[in-house]
N, C-alpha and C. Protein backbone atom coordinates (compact mmCIF):
# COMPACT_ATOMS: atom_id res chain seq x y z
N MET A 1 -49.02 -9.46 55.19
CA MET A 1 -47.94 -10.06 55.69
C MET A 1 -47.97 -10.08 57.24
N THR A 2 -47.85 -11.18 57.87
CA THR A 2 -48.00 -11.28 59.34
C THR A 2 -46.61 -11.02 60.05
N PHE A 3 -46.94 -10.69 61.28
CA PHE A 3 -45.77 -10.38 62.12
C PHE A 3 -44.69 -11.43 62.15
N GLN A 4 -45.22 -12.70 62.18
CA GLN A 4 -44.27 -13.90 62.21
C GLN A 4 -43.41 -13.93 60.97
N THR A 5 -44.07 -13.61 59.81
CA THR A 5 -43.44 -13.64 58.45
C THR A 5 -42.29 -12.59 58.41
N VAL A 6 -42.66 -11.36 58.86
CA VAL A 6 -41.59 -10.30 58.96
C VAL A 6 -40.48 -10.65 59.83
N LYS A 7 -40.84 -11.30 61.00
CA LYS A 7 -39.75 -11.66 61.93
C LYS A 7 -38.89 -12.66 61.33
N ASN A 8 -39.44 -13.65 60.66
CA ASN A 8 -38.70 -14.70 60.00
C ASN A 8 -37.71 -14.14 58.94
N LYS A 9 -38.25 -13.17 58.17
CA LYS A 9 -37.39 -12.66 57.12
C LYS A 9 -36.23 -11.78 57.72
N LYS A 10 -36.58 -11.10 58.87
CA LYS A 10 -35.42 -10.37 59.49
C LYS A 10 -34.32 -11.36 60.11
N THR A 11 -34.83 -12.46 60.59
CA THR A 11 -33.92 -13.39 61.17
C THR A 11 -33.08 -14.02 60.13
N MET A 12 -33.67 -14.19 58.96
CA MET A 12 -32.89 -14.82 57.78
C MET A 12 -31.94 -13.79 57.26
N LYS A 13 -32.33 -12.51 57.21
CA LYS A 13 -31.37 -11.52 56.74
C LYS A 13 -30.25 -11.35 57.71
N ASN A 14 -30.56 -11.39 59.03
CA ASN A 14 -29.38 -11.29 60.00
C ASN A 14 -28.51 -12.51 59.89
N PHE A 15 -29.15 -13.62 59.62
CA PHE A 15 -28.28 -14.93 59.50
C PHE A 15 -27.29 -14.71 58.42
N TRP A 16 -27.72 -14.19 57.17
CA TRP A 16 -26.73 -13.95 56.02
C TRP A 16 -25.83 -12.85 56.34
N LEU A 17 -26.27 -11.81 57.07
CA LEU A 17 -25.32 -10.78 57.44
C LEU A 17 -24.12 -11.35 58.36
N CYS A 18 -24.50 -12.32 59.12
CA CYS A 18 -23.55 -12.96 59.99
C CYS A 18 -22.67 -13.93 59.27
N PHE A 19 -23.31 -14.60 58.36
CA PHE A 19 -22.68 -15.74 57.70
C PHE A 19 -21.45 -15.28 56.90
N VAL A 20 -21.69 -14.30 56.11
CA VAL A 20 -20.57 -13.82 55.07
C VAL A 20 -19.26 -13.41 55.85
N PRO A 21 -19.39 -12.48 56.93
CA PRO A 21 -18.10 -12.12 57.51
C PRO A 21 -17.41 -13.38 58.18
N LEU A 22 -18.20 -14.29 58.85
CA LEU A 22 -17.63 -15.40 59.42
C LEU A 22 -17.07 -16.45 58.36
N PHE A 23 -17.68 -16.45 57.25
CA PHE A 23 -17.16 -17.31 56.23
C PHE A 23 -15.83 -16.81 55.76
N VAL A 24 -15.57 -15.52 55.65
CA VAL A 24 -14.36 -14.95 55.34
C VAL A 24 -13.32 -15.18 56.51
N ALA A 25 -13.83 -15.00 57.78
CA ALA A 25 -12.95 -15.21 58.93
C ALA A 25 -12.44 -16.57 59.09
N VAL A 26 -13.27 -17.59 58.91
CA VAL A 26 -12.93 -19.05 58.97
C VAL A 26 -11.84 -19.22 57.90
N ASP A 27 -11.97 -18.72 56.58
CA ASP A 27 -11.05 -18.80 55.56
C ASP A 27 -10.61 -20.37 55.37
N ALA A 28 -11.63 -21.23 55.17
CA ALA A 28 -11.49 -22.60 55.07
C ALA A 28 -10.52 -22.93 53.81
N VAL A 29 -10.75 -22.28 52.78
CA VAL A 29 -9.92 -22.49 51.59
C VAL A 29 -8.39 -22.18 51.82
N GLY A 30 -8.20 -21.06 52.61
CA GLY A 30 -6.93 -20.73 52.95
C GLY A 30 -6.21 -21.73 54.04
N VAL A 31 -7.01 -22.36 54.91
CA VAL A 31 -6.53 -23.34 55.76
C VAL A 31 -6.19 -24.66 55.10
N LEU A 32 -6.93 -24.96 53.92
CA LEU A 32 -6.96 -26.16 53.26
C LEU A 32 -5.48 -26.79 53.03
N PRO A 33 -4.56 -25.87 52.44
CA PRO A 33 -3.18 -26.36 52.21
C PRO A 33 -2.49 -26.86 53.48
N MET A 34 -2.77 -26.08 54.57
CA MET A 34 -2.10 -26.47 55.86
C MET A 34 -2.64 -27.82 56.41
N TYR A 35 -4.00 -27.98 56.28
CA TYR A 35 -4.56 -29.12 56.65
C TYR A 35 -4.03 -30.31 55.88
N ILE A 36 -3.87 -30.14 54.62
CA ILE A 36 -3.34 -31.22 53.76
C ILE A 36 -1.90 -31.58 54.14
N GLY A 37 -1.08 -30.48 54.54
CA GLY A 37 0.26 -30.74 54.83
C GLY A 37 0.39 -31.38 56.09
N LEU A 38 -0.52 -31.12 57.08
CA LEU A 38 -0.29 -31.69 58.45
C LEU A 38 -0.82 -33.08 58.41
N THR A 39 -1.71 -33.64 57.52
CA THR A 39 -2.31 -34.85 57.56
C THR A 39 -2.03 -35.85 56.35
N HIS A 40 -1.06 -35.33 55.53
CA HIS A 40 -0.92 -36.19 54.26
C HIS A 40 -0.22 -37.48 54.51
N ASP A 41 0.56 -37.57 55.64
CA ASP A 41 1.43 -38.83 55.93
C ASP A 41 0.60 -39.87 56.80
N LEU A 42 -0.65 -39.43 57.26
CA LEU A 42 -1.38 -40.17 58.15
C LEU A 42 -2.29 -41.13 57.48
N ALA A 43 -2.68 -42.19 58.23
CA ALA A 43 -3.72 -43.22 57.70
C ALA A 43 -5.00 -42.56 57.58
N HIS A 44 -5.87 -43.10 56.65
CA HIS A 44 -7.19 -42.53 56.36
C HIS A 44 -8.02 -42.54 57.61
N SER A 45 -8.00 -43.61 58.40
CA SER A 45 -8.77 -43.61 59.64
C SER A 45 -8.36 -42.62 60.67
N LYS A 46 -7.03 -42.31 60.74
CA LYS A 46 -6.51 -41.38 61.64
C LYS A 46 -6.92 -39.94 61.20
N VAL A 47 -6.88 -39.77 59.87
CA VAL A 47 -7.36 -38.40 59.35
C VAL A 47 -8.67 -38.12 59.73
N ARG A 48 -9.58 -39.13 59.47
CA ARG A 48 -10.99 -39.01 59.77
C ARG A 48 -11.24 -38.68 61.28
N ARG A 49 -10.62 -39.38 62.10
CA ARG A 49 -10.68 -39.10 63.49
C ARG A 49 -10.33 -37.64 63.92
N LEU A 50 -9.23 -37.23 63.35
CA LEU A 50 -8.69 -35.87 63.60
C LEU A 50 -9.68 -34.88 63.08
N LEU A 51 -10.25 -35.23 61.85
CA LEU A 51 -11.34 -34.30 61.39
C LEU A 51 -12.41 -34.01 62.30
N TYR A 52 -12.96 -35.06 62.79
CA TYR A 52 -14.05 -35.02 63.66
C TYR A 52 -13.74 -34.28 65.01
N GLN A 53 -12.56 -34.52 65.52
CA GLN A 53 -11.97 -33.88 66.73
C GLN A 53 -11.84 -32.40 66.54
N SER A 54 -11.30 -31.98 65.35
CA SER A 54 -11.13 -30.58 65.00
C SER A 54 -12.46 -29.88 64.87
N ILE A 55 -13.44 -30.36 64.30
CA ILE A 55 -14.68 -29.79 64.10
C ILE A 55 -15.32 -29.57 65.43
N ALA A 56 -15.33 -30.69 66.20
CA ALA A 56 -15.92 -30.61 67.66
C ALA A 56 -15.29 -29.52 68.57
N THR A 57 -13.88 -29.47 68.50
CA THR A 57 -13.18 -28.53 69.27
C THR A 57 -13.45 -27.05 68.74
N ALA A 58 -13.47 -26.85 67.45
CA ALA A 58 -13.65 -25.44 66.91
C ALA A 58 -15.05 -25.03 67.30
N THR A 59 -16.09 -25.84 67.26
CA THR A 59 -17.47 -25.56 67.59
C THR A 59 -17.61 -25.23 68.96
N LEU A 60 -17.10 -25.98 69.86
CA LEU A 60 -17.20 -25.81 71.31
C LEU A 60 -16.57 -24.58 71.80
N VAL A 61 -15.27 -24.22 71.23
CA VAL A 61 -14.65 -23.09 71.58
C VAL A 61 -15.43 -21.85 71.11
N ALA A 62 -15.87 -21.83 69.89
CA ALA A 62 -16.55 -20.70 69.42
C ALA A 62 -17.89 -20.46 70.17
N LEU A 63 -18.70 -21.48 70.44
CA LEU A 63 -19.98 -21.32 71.10
C LEU A 63 -19.81 -20.86 72.52
N ALA A 64 -18.62 -21.44 73.16
CA ALA A 64 -18.25 -21.01 74.53
C ALA A 64 -17.95 -19.56 74.59
N PHE A 65 -17.23 -19.12 73.62
CA PHE A 65 -16.85 -17.64 73.61
C PHE A 65 -18.14 -16.82 73.35
N LEU A 66 -19.01 -17.26 72.42
CA LEU A 66 -20.20 -16.59 72.25
C LEU A 66 -21.09 -16.42 73.57
N TRP A 67 -21.16 -17.47 74.32
CA TRP A 67 -21.86 -17.53 75.52
C TRP A 67 -21.30 -16.66 76.60
N ALA A 68 -19.98 -16.66 76.82
CA ALA A 68 -19.41 -16.04 77.88
C ALA A 68 -18.59 -14.74 77.50
N GLY A 69 -18.34 -14.60 76.26
CA GLY A 69 -17.50 -13.44 75.86
C GLY A 69 -18.07 -12.04 76.20
N LYS A 70 -19.37 -11.85 75.93
CA LYS A 70 -20.04 -10.52 76.29
C LYS A 70 -20.05 -10.34 77.73
N ALA A 71 -20.35 -11.34 78.57
CA ALA A 71 -20.37 -11.15 80.04
C ALA A 71 -18.92 -10.80 80.41
N LEU A 72 -17.77 -11.44 79.89
CA LEU A 72 -16.50 -11.05 80.24
C LEU A 72 -16.21 -9.66 79.96
N LEU A 73 -16.69 -9.13 78.89
CA LEU A 73 -16.45 -7.77 78.43
C LEU A 73 -17.13 -6.84 79.54
N THR A 74 -18.35 -7.08 79.98
CA THR A 74 -19.11 -6.26 80.91
C THR A 74 -18.34 -6.35 82.12
N LEU A 75 -17.92 -7.57 82.63
CA LEU A 75 -17.23 -7.63 83.86
C LEU A 75 -15.91 -6.81 84.01
N LEU A 76 -15.33 -6.62 82.67
CA LEU A 76 -14.05 -5.89 82.66
C LEU A 76 -14.27 -4.30 82.31
N GLY A 77 -15.56 -4.07 82.10
CA GLY A 77 -15.92 -2.60 81.82
C GLY A 77 -15.48 -2.24 80.42
N ILE A 78 -15.58 -3.14 79.57
CA ILE A 78 -15.15 -2.81 78.13
C ILE A 78 -16.50 -2.72 77.38
N THR A 79 -16.64 -1.45 76.82
CA THR A 79 -17.90 -1.20 75.94
C THR A 79 -17.80 -1.78 74.57
N VAL A 80 -18.94 -1.79 73.93
CA VAL A 80 -19.00 -2.34 72.49
C VAL A 80 -18.01 -1.58 71.65
N ALA A 81 -18.18 -0.31 71.75
CA ALA A 81 -17.22 0.41 70.91
C ALA A 81 -15.86 0.26 71.10
N ASP A 82 -15.37 0.01 72.46
CA ASP A 82 -14.06 -0.42 72.60
C ASP A 82 -13.54 -1.60 71.92
N PHE A 83 -14.55 -2.69 72.10
CA PHE A 83 -14.26 -3.98 71.51
C PHE A 83 -14.25 -3.83 70.03
N MET A 84 -15.14 -3.16 69.40
CA MET A 84 -15.24 -2.96 67.97
C MET A 84 -13.85 -2.35 67.44
N ILE A 85 -13.38 -1.31 68.04
CA ILE A 85 -12.09 -0.88 67.66
C ILE A 85 -11.00 -1.78 67.77
N ALA A 86 -10.86 -2.38 69.04
CA ALA A 86 -9.79 -3.27 69.27
C ALA A 86 -9.95 -4.47 68.40
N GLY A 87 -11.10 -5.06 68.31
CA GLY A 87 -11.33 -6.22 67.52
C GLY A 87 -11.06 -5.90 66.00
N GLY A 88 -11.49 -4.80 65.48
CA GLY A 88 -11.20 -4.40 64.15
C GLY A 88 -9.77 -4.32 63.79
N ILE A 89 -8.96 -3.76 64.76
CA ILE A 89 -7.51 -3.66 64.65
C ILE A 89 -6.87 -5.06 64.60
N LEU A 90 -7.35 -5.98 65.56
CA LEU A 90 -6.89 -7.32 65.63
C LEU A 90 -7.18 -8.07 64.27
N LEU A 91 -8.46 -7.77 63.79
CA LEU A 91 -8.78 -8.49 62.54
C LEU A 91 -7.96 -8.01 61.37
N PHE A 92 -7.64 -6.77 61.40
CA PHE A 92 -6.86 -6.19 60.32
C PHE A 92 -5.36 -6.78 60.37
N LEU A 93 -4.92 -6.85 61.59
CA LEU A 93 -3.48 -7.53 61.68
C LEU A 93 -3.52 -9.00 61.24
N VAL A 94 -4.49 -9.64 61.67
CA VAL A 94 -4.63 -11.18 61.23
C VAL A 94 -4.73 -11.12 59.71
N ALA A 95 -5.59 -10.30 59.16
CA ALA A 95 -5.70 -10.27 57.61
C ALA A 95 -4.50 -10.02 56.92
N MET A 96 -3.71 -8.92 57.54
CA MET A 96 -2.36 -8.50 56.89
C MET A 96 -1.38 -9.59 57.03
N SER A 97 -1.44 -10.31 58.19
CA SER A 97 -0.53 -11.44 58.34
C SER A 97 -0.77 -12.58 57.26
N ASP A 98 -2.00 -12.90 57.08
CA ASP A 98 -2.32 -13.96 56.12
C ASP A 98 -1.97 -13.43 54.70
N LEU A 99 -2.11 -12.16 54.40
CA LEU A 99 -1.79 -11.64 53.07
C LEU A 99 -0.31 -11.61 52.83
N LEU A 100 0.49 -11.40 53.84
CA LEU A 100 1.94 -11.21 53.71
C LEU A 100 2.80 -12.42 53.93
N THR A 101 2.14 -13.49 54.47
CA THR A 101 2.83 -14.65 54.81
C THR A 101 2.17 -15.84 54.11
N THR A 102 2.97 -16.97 54.19
CA THR A 102 2.41 -18.17 53.50
C THR A 102 1.85 -19.25 54.42
N ASP A 103 2.27 -19.18 55.66
CA ASP A 103 1.90 -20.15 56.73
C ASP A 103 1.16 -19.48 57.88
N LYS A 104 0.00 -20.06 58.29
CA LYS A 104 -0.70 -19.55 59.47
C LYS A 104 -0.12 -19.92 60.76
N ILE A 105 0.61 -21.05 60.85
CA ILE A 105 1.10 -21.55 62.04
C ILE A 105 2.46 -22.13 61.85
N GLN A 106 3.19 -22.44 62.75
CA GLN A 106 4.42 -23.20 62.52
C GLN A 106 4.22 -24.71 62.46
N ARG A 107 5.01 -25.38 61.80
CA ARG A 107 4.69 -26.76 61.46
C ARG A 107 5.06 -27.74 62.59
N ARG A 108 5.64 -27.31 63.65
CA ARG A 108 6.04 -28.22 64.79
C ARG A 108 4.74 -28.37 65.65
N VAL A 109 4.14 -29.60 65.55
CA VAL A 109 2.80 -29.87 66.21
C VAL A 109 2.89 -31.22 66.81
N ASP A 110 2.05 -31.43 67.94
CA ASP A 110 1.96 -32.58 68.60
C ASP A 110 0.87 -33.53 67.85
N MET A 111 1.32 -34.66 67.28
CA MET A 111 0.29 -35.38 66.47
C MET A 111 -0.76 -35.97 67.27
N GLU A 112 -0.65 -36.14 68.63
CA GLU A 112 -1.74 -36.57 69.52
C GLU A 112 -2.84 -35.61 69.60
N SER A 113 -2.52 -34.35 69.65
CA SER A 113 -3.57 -33.40 69.86
C SER A 113 -3.72 -32.55 68.67
N LEU A 114 -3.40 -33.01 67.41
CA LEU A 114 -3.50 -32.33 66.20
C LEU A 114 -4.83 -31.89 65.89
N GLY A 115 -5.84 -32.84 66.11
CA GLY A 115 -7.12 -32.49 65.86
C GLY A 115 -7.71 -31.23 66.65
N ALA A 116 -7.43 -31.23 67.90
CA ALA A 116 -7.76 -30.08 68.60
C ALA A 116 -6.86 -28.81 68.47
N VAL A 117 -5.62 -28.95 68.50
CA VAL A 117 -4.60 -27.93 68.28
C VAL A 117 -3.50 -28.40 67.35
N PRO A 118 -3.34 -27.94 66.24
CA PRO A 118 -3.89 -26.53 65.80
C PRO A 118 -5.01 -26.59 64.88
N LEU A 119 -5.59 -27.87 64.49
CA LEU A 119 -6.64 -27.83 63.52
C LEU A 119 -7.88 -27.12 63.97
N GLY A 120 -8.41 -27.47 65.23
CA GLY A 120 -9.58 -26.89 65.65
C GLY A 120 -9.37 -25.47 66.07
N VAL A 121 -8.39 -25.24 66.90
CA VAL A 121 -7.93 -23.92 67.37
C VAL A 121 -6.52 -23.86 67.31
N PRO A 122 -5.89 -22.95 66.43
CA PRO A 122 -6.57 -21.72 65.96
C PRO A 122 -6.80 -21.77 64.40
N LEU A 123 -6.63 -22.86 63.66
CA LEU A 123 -6.77 -22.90 62.33
C LEU A 123 -8.26 -22.62 61.82
N ILE A 124 -9.17 -23.30 62.55
CA ILE A 124 -10.55 -23.24 62.20
C ILE A 124 -11.19 -21.98 63.03
N THR A 125 -11.11 -22.21 64.26
CA THR A 125 -11.53 -21.06 65.13
C THR A 125 -10.53 -20.39 65.78
N GLY A 126 -10.11 -19.23 65.08
CA GLY A 126 -8.92 -18.52 65.54
C GLY A 126 -9.42 -17.12 65.98
N PRO A 127 -8.48 -16.19 66.17
CA PRO A 127 -8.72 -14.94 66.60
C PRO A 127 -9.76 -14.07 65.71
N ALA A 128 -9.62 -14.36 64.41
CA ALA A 128 -10.54 -13.64 63.46
C ALA A 128 -12.00 -14.15 63.65
N VAL A 129 -12.25 -15.47 63.95
CA VAL A 129 -13.58 -15.96 64.16
C VAL A 129 -14.10 -15.46 65.48
N LEU A 130 -13.44 -15.51 66.53
CA LEU A 130 -13.85 -15.18 67.76
C LEU A 130 -14.12 -13.70 67.79
N THR A 131 -13.26 -12.83 67.31
CA THR A 131 -13.48 -11.30 67.29
C THR A 131 -14.79 -11.08 66.43
N THR A 132 -14.88 -11.67 65.23
CA THR A 132 -15.91 -11.30 64.32
C THR A 132 -17.31 -11.89 65.02
N SER A 133 -17.30 -12.98 65.68
CA SER A 133 -18.55 -13.55 66.21
C SER A 133 -19.00 -12.61 67.41
N ILE A 134 -18.13 -12.17 68.25
CA ILE A 134 -18.62 -11.34 69.45
C ILE A 134 -19.12 -10.01 68.90
N LEU A 135 -18.59 -9.54 67.87
CA LEU A 135 -19.04 -8.28 67.22
C LEU A 135 -20.46 -8.40 66.57
N LEU A 136 -20.55 -9.57 65.91
CA LEU A 136 -21.84 -9.83 65.21
C LEU A 136 -22.83 -10.13 66.22
N LEU A 137 -22.56 -10.79 67.36
CA LEU A 137 -23.49 -11.02 68.43
C LEU A 137 -24.21 -9.77 68.89
N ASP A 138 -23.38 -8.77 69.04
CA ASP A 138 -23.91 -7.43 69.55
C ASP A 138 -24.89 -6.86 68.54
N GLN A 139 -24.53 -7.00 67.23
CA GLN A 139 -25.32 -6.34 66.20
C GLN A 139 -26.58 -7.13 65.76
N TYR A 140 -26.52 -8.52 65.69
CA TYR A 140 -27.53 -9.23 65.10
C TYR A 140 -28.14 -10.34 66.09
N GLY A 141 -27.64 -10.49 67.24
CA GLY A 141 -28.25 -11.42 68.13
C GLY A 141 -27.57 -12.74 68.11
N LEU A 142 -27.93 -13.54 69.26
CA LEU A 142 -27.27 -14.73 69.44
C LEU A 142 -27.70 -15.89 68.39
N VAL A 143 -28.92 -16.11 68.12
CA VAL A 143 -29.37 -17.10 67.21
C VAL A 143 -28.69 -17.04 65.79
N PRO A 144 -28.83 -15.92 65.06
CA PRO A 144 -28.22 -15.77 63.78
C PRO A 144 -26.70 -16.03 63.84
N THR A 145 -26.02 -15.43 64.92
CA THR A 145 -24.50 -15.60 64.91
C THR A 145 -24.17 -17.03 65.32
N ALA A 146 -24.88 -17.62 66.25
CA ALA A 146 -24.53 -18.95 66.55
C ALA A 146 -24.68 -19.96 65.38
N LEU A 147 -25.91 -19.86 64.70
CA LEU A 147 -26.08 -20.70 63.52
C LEU A 147 -25.09 -20.42 62.42
N SER A 148 -24.68 -19.20 62.20
CA SER A 148 -23.61 -18.91 61.26
C SER A 148 -22.33 -19.46 61.63
N VAL A 149 -21.97 -19.47 62.92
CA VAL A 149 -20.70 -20.05 63.34
C VAL A 149 -20.75 -21.46 63.15
N ILE A 150 -21.80 -22.20 63.53
CA ILE A 150 -21.90 -23.67 63.37
C ILE A 150 -21.85 -24.01 61.90
N LEU A 151 -22.52 -23.34 61.07
CA LEU A 151 -22.58 -23.66 59.64
C LEU A 151 -21.30 -23.49 58.99
N ASN A 152 -20.55 -22.41 59.28
CA ASN A 152 -19.31 -22.19 58.76
C ASN A 152 -18.25 -23.18 59.08
N ILE A 153 -18.34 -23.58 60.35
CA ILE A 153 -17.43 -24.62 60.80
C ILE A 153 -17.63 -25.94 60.09
N LEU A 154 -18.99 -26.26 59.96
CA LEU A 154 -19.30 -27.51 59.16
C LEU A 154 -18.97 -27.44 57.72
N ILE A 155 -19.08 -26.26 57.15
CA ILE A 155 -18.52 -26.10 55.74
C ILE A 155 -17.09 -26.36 55.70
N ALA A 156 -16.21 -25.84 56.69
CA ALA A 156 -14.89 -26.10 56.73
C ALA A 156 -14.59 -27.52 56.90
N GLY A 157 -15.32 -28.21 57.76
CA GLY A 157 -15.25 -29.65 57.99
C GLY A 157 -15.48 -30.50 56.60
N LEU A 158 -16.45 -30.02 55.93
CA LEU A 158 -16.79 -30.68 54.71
C LEU A 158 -15.82 -30.49 53.55
N LEU A 159 -15.22 -29.25 53.56
CA LEU A 159 -14.11 -28.95 52.67
C LEU A 159 -12.86 -29.82 52.95
N PHE A 160 -12.56 -30.04 54.26
CA PHE A 160 -11.43 -30.76 54.57
C PHE A 160 -11.69 -32.28 54.35
N TYR A 161 -12.94 -32.69 54.42
CA TYR A 161 -13.31 -34.04 54.21
C TYR A 161 -12.86 -34.52 52.68
N PHE A 162 -13.16 -33.46 51.80
CA PHE A 162 -12.76 -33.72 50.44
C PHE A 162 -11.57 -32.96 49.99
N ALA A 163 -10.54 -32.96 51.01
CA ALA A 163 -9.37 -32.21 50.75
C ALA A 163 -8.59 -32.75 49.55
N GLY A 164 -8.50 -33.98 49.40
CA GLY A 164 -7.66 -34.53 48.19
C GLY A 164 -8.24 -34.12 46.99
N PRO A 165 -9.47 -34.39 46.53
CA PRO A 165 -9.95 -34.00 45.21
C PRO A 165 -9.93 -32.47 45.08
N ILE A 166 -10.27 -31.76 46.13
CA ILE A 166 -10.28 -30.27 46.04
C ILE A 166 -8.84 -29.71 45.66
N ASP A 167 -7.92 -30.32 46.49
CA ASP A 167 -6.57 -29.92 46.24
C ASP A 167 -5.97 -30.20 44.80
N ARG A 168 -6.38 -31.29 44.27
CA ARG A 168 -6.05 -31.65 42.85
C ARG A 168 -6.62 -30.68 41.89
N VAL A 169 -7.84 -30.23 42.12
CA VAL A 169 -8.55 -29.28 41.16
C VAL A 169 -7.87 -27.88 41.33
N LEU A 170 -7.84 -27.36 42.62
CA LEU A 170 -7.32 -26.05 42.72
C LEU A 170 -5.88 -25.89 42.53
N GLY A 171 -5.13 -26.83 43.10
CA GLY A 171 -3.65 -26.69 43.04
C GLY A 171 -3.21 -25.76 44.09
N LYS A 172 -1.95 -25.85 44.46
CA LYS A 172 -1.42 -24.85 45.45
C LYS A 172 -1.60 -23.49 45.12
N THR A 173 -1.47 -23.16 43.80
CA THR A 173 -1.55 -21.69 43.32
C THR A 173 -3.01 -21.24 43.47
N GLY A 174 -3.92 -22.06 43.13
CA GLY A 174 -5.24 -21.67 43.30
C GLY A 174 -5.74 -21.47 44.66
N ALA A 175 -5.36 -22.35 45.52
CA ALA A 175 -5.69 -22.20 46.95
C ALA A 175 -5.18 -20.94 47.58
N LYS A 176 -3.86 -20.63 47.21
CA LYS A 176 -3.20 -19.41 47.69
C LYS A 176 -3.91 -18.25 47.17
N ILE A 177 -4.35 -18.13 45.96
CA ILE A 177 -5.05 -17.06 45.38
C ILE A 177 -6.30 -16.70 46.13
N LEU A 178 -7.08 -17.77 46.41
CA LEU A 178 -8.35 -17.74 47.02
C LEU A 178 -8.19 -17.28 48.45
N SER A 179 -7.15 -17.66 49.09
CA SER A 179 -6.83 -17.35 50.50
C SER A 179 -6.43 -15.84 50.53
N LYS A 180 -5.68 -15.27 49.59
CA LYS A 180 -5.42 -13.95 49.61
C LYS A 180 -6.55 -13.00 49.33
N ILE A 181 -7.48 -13.48 48.56
CA ILE A 181 -8.72 -12.80 48.29
C ILE A 181 -9.43 -12.68 49.63
N ALA A 182 -9.64 -13.83 50.20
CA ALA A 182 -10.27 -13.86 51.52
C ALA A 182 -9.60 -13.01 52.57
N GLY A 183 -8.36 -12.98 52.56
CA GLY A 183 -7.54 -12.09 53.46
C GLY A 183 -7.88 -10.59 53.23
N LEU A 184 -7.92 -10.22 51.80
CA LEU A 184 -8.27 -8.79 51.46
C LEU A 184 -9.67 -8.47 51.90
N LEU A 185 -10.57 -9.36 51.78
CA LEU A 185 -11.96 -8.96 52.22
C LEU A 185 -12.07 -9.02 53.69
N LEU A 186 -11.25 -9.76 54.50
CA LEU A 186 -11.27 -9.73 55.98
C LEU A 186 -10.70 -8.29 56.37
N ALA A 187 -9.69 -7.90 55.66
CA ALA A 187 -9.09 -6.59 56.02
C ALA A 187 -10.04 -5.43 55.76
N SER A 188 -10.79 -5.60 54.69
CA SER A 188 -11.88 -4.56 54.46
C SER A 188 -13.01 -4.60 55.52
N ILE A 189 -13.37 -5.74 56.00
CA ILE A 189 -14.33 -5.89 56.98
C ILE A 189 -13.83 -5.25 58.29
N ALA A 190 -12.49 -5.50 58.66
CA ALA A 190 -11.87 -4.98 59.78
C ALA A 190 -11.89 -3.49 59.76
N VAL A 191 -11.53 -2.77 58.65
CA VAL A 191 -11.72 -1.37 58.58
C VAL A 191 -13.12 -0.81 58.77
N MET A 192 -14.07 -1.57 58.20
CA MET A 192 -15.47 -1.22 58.49
C MET A 192 -15.84 -1.28 60.05
N ILE A 193 -15.36 -2.29 60.69
CA ILE A 193 -15.62 -2.52 62.13
C ILE A 193 -15.03 -1.40 62.89
N ILE A 194 -13.70 -0.96 62.61
CA ILE A 194 -13.01 0.05 63.27
C ILE A 194 -13.82 1.39 63.05
N ARG A 195 -14.28 1.54 61.79
CA ARG A 195 -15.03 2.90 61.49
C ARG A 195 -16.31 2.94 62.30
N LYS A 196 -17.03 1.80 62.38
CA LYS A 196 -18.27 1.82 63.17
C LYS A 196 -18.02 2.04 64.57
N GLY A 197 -16.87 1.33 65.17
CA GLY A 197 -16.54 1.51 66.58
C GLY A 197 -16.24 2.98 66.83
N VAL A 198 -15.48 3.66 66.00
CA VAL A 198 -15.10 5.08 66.21
C VAL A 198 -16.42 5.89 66.26
N PHE A 199 -17.32 5.68 65.31
CA PHE A 199 -18.60 6.52 65.31
C PHE A 199 -19.41 6.22 66.55
N THR A 200 -19.42 4.91 66.88
CA THR A 200 -20.19 4.64 68.07
C THR A 200 -19.56 5.27 69.31
N PHE A 201 -18.24 5.22 69.41
CA PHE A 201 -17.64 5.92 70.63
C PHE A 201 -17.88 7.40 70.65
N ILE A 202 -17.89 8.06 69.47
CA ILE A 202 -18.04 9.46 69.43
C ILE A 202 -19.53 9.88 69.79
N SER A 203 -20.48 8.92 69.33
CA SER A 203 -21.93 9.20 69.59
C SER A 203 -22.30 9.11 71.06
N VAL A 204 -21.54 8.29 71.81
CA VAL A 204 -21.99 8.07 73.25
C VAL A 204 -21.23 9.05 74.09
N GLN A 205 -20.38 9.88 73.59
CA GLN A 205 -19.65 10.90 74.39
C GLN A 205 -20.41 11.99 74.80
């Protein structure tokens, strides 16, 4: 087995280790009912344009945060352990909010900027995605994290593209159940991040 093969396998493993937490953080299935509610009265052409706008906005914001987020932490003197603990707590609160409430945002929105806000940010790329991505960046590197972010956002976009048929198959109850399961997984991931942050903090003291 060559060095390049080993390196490729490690990169692929890191990619999947990044993909799963980000898939849970994006929670495209949980966002789907909100997306349908926000766009159901709009013309098909308008919905298509908003979808493209939301995917572009979500991707740009997520990648910009990946590029500048760590430098910002260094500038502010925030250690990885600090961010893991704070980020884990934030993820836990986001997860609990999703578990205990039915709406991720309020329904008063500006239809002109609907694609960018709230569809792109914070429904697709929200606090959970930003926090998870910066934590994964430190653990697994830029390339696996960035690819996982892009792929998960594209999956969300594909899901929204087929929102009508999916909604008819799942129904409101099915979508809510899947969203709650995703929220529970996200809460578990948050606890794991807090635990690792505490151990990291203790080990460097």
